[in-house]
């Protein structure tokens, strides 16, 4: 959990829609119900920092944010 990982190098800003890496569709033409489809390579880059994470939930206990 505390291993040393180097984050991926900073990417230059790219318009993902123009490069066909992201597309947005509206459910039944309703602009209030968008569906966003992300290319697998973009999704992997977004999830890279959390790839080796472990999420633990304690049952029956309340955990505060302080």
Protein backbone atom coordinates (compact mmCIF):
# COMPACT_ATOMS: atom_id res chain seq x y z
CA UNK A 1 0.00 0.00 0.00
CA UNK A 2 2.86 2.35 0.69
CA UNK A 3 5.01 1.13 -2.16
CA UNK A 4 6.91 3.60 -4.25
CA UNK A 5 5.27 4.13 -7.60
CA UNK A 6 6.12 6.75 -10.10
CA UNK A 7 3.06 8.46 -11.49
CA UNK A 8 2.60 8.45 -15.25
CA UNK A 9 4.20 11.39 -17.02
CA UNK A 10 2.02 14.43 -17.46
CA UNK A 11 0.16 14.34 -20.75
CA UNK A 12 -0.27 17.33 -22.93
CA UNK A 13 -3.81 18.56 -23.25
CA UNK A 14 -5.65 16.77 -26.03
CA UNK A 15 -9.23 17.11 -27.17
CA UNK A 16 -10.44 13.55 -26.52
CA UNK A 17 -13.63 13.98 -28.53
CA UNK A 18 -11.77 15.19 -31.63
CA UNK A 19 -9.35 12.25 -31.34
CA UNK A 20 -12.25 9.76 -31.04
CA UNK A 21 -11.18 8.66 -27.55
CA UNK A 22 -14.43 9.82 -25.91
CA UNK A 23 -17.94 10.03 -27.30
CA UNK A 24 -21.13 11.32 -25.74
CA UNK A 25 -24.57 10.03 -26.59
CA UNK A 26 -27.88 11.24 -25.18
CA UNK A 27 -30.49 8.76 -24.01
CA UNK A 28 -33.51 9.11 -26.31
CA UNK A 29 -32.21 12.48 -27.47
CA UNK A 30 -32.58 13.95 -23.96
CA UNK A 31 -29.61 16.24 -23.24
CA UNK A 32 -30.18 15.76 -19.50
CA UNK A 33 -29.31 12.04 -19.79
CA UNK A 34 -25.83 11.87 -21.34
CA UNK A 35 -23.90 8.62 -21.71
CA UNK A 36 -20.12 9.02 -21.90
CA UNK A 37 -18.07 6.29 -23.56
CA UNK A 38 -14.33 6.35 -22.85
CA UNK A 39 -11.66 4.48 -24.80
CA UNK A 40 -9.92 1.71 -22.80
CA UNK A 41 -6.52 3.40 -23.00
CA UNK A 42 -7.89 6.61 -21.45
CA UNK A 43 -9.69 4.64 -18.75
CA UNK A 44 -6.49 2.74 -17.82
CA UNK A 45 -4.58 6.02 -17.50
CA UNK A 46 -7.28 7.48 -15.25
CA UNK A 47 -7.24 4.39 -13.02
CA UNK A 48 -3.45 3.95 -12.91
CA UNK A 49 -2.91 5.50 -9.46
CA UNK A 50 -5.61 3.31 -7.87
CA UNK A 51 -4.73 0.06 -9.66
CA UNK A 52 -3.10 -1.58 -6.62
CA UNK A 53 -5.49 -0.09 -4.04
CA UNK A 54 -7.40 -2.08 -1.48
CA UNK A 55 -10.71 -0.78 -0.12
CA UNK A 56 -11.73 -1.96 3.33
CA UNK A 57 -15.13 -1.45 4.93
CA UNK A 58 -15.68 -2.12 8.59
CA UNK A 59 -19.08 -3.62 9.30
CA UNK A 60 -20.95 -2.30 12.33
CA UNK A 61 -18.60 0.65 12.87
CA UNK A 62 -18.99 4.30 12.06
CA UNK A 63 -15.93 6.05 10.74
CA UNK A 64 -15.82 9.84 10.75
CA UNK A 65 -13.93 12.00 8.29
CA UNK A 66 -12.03 13.94 10.98
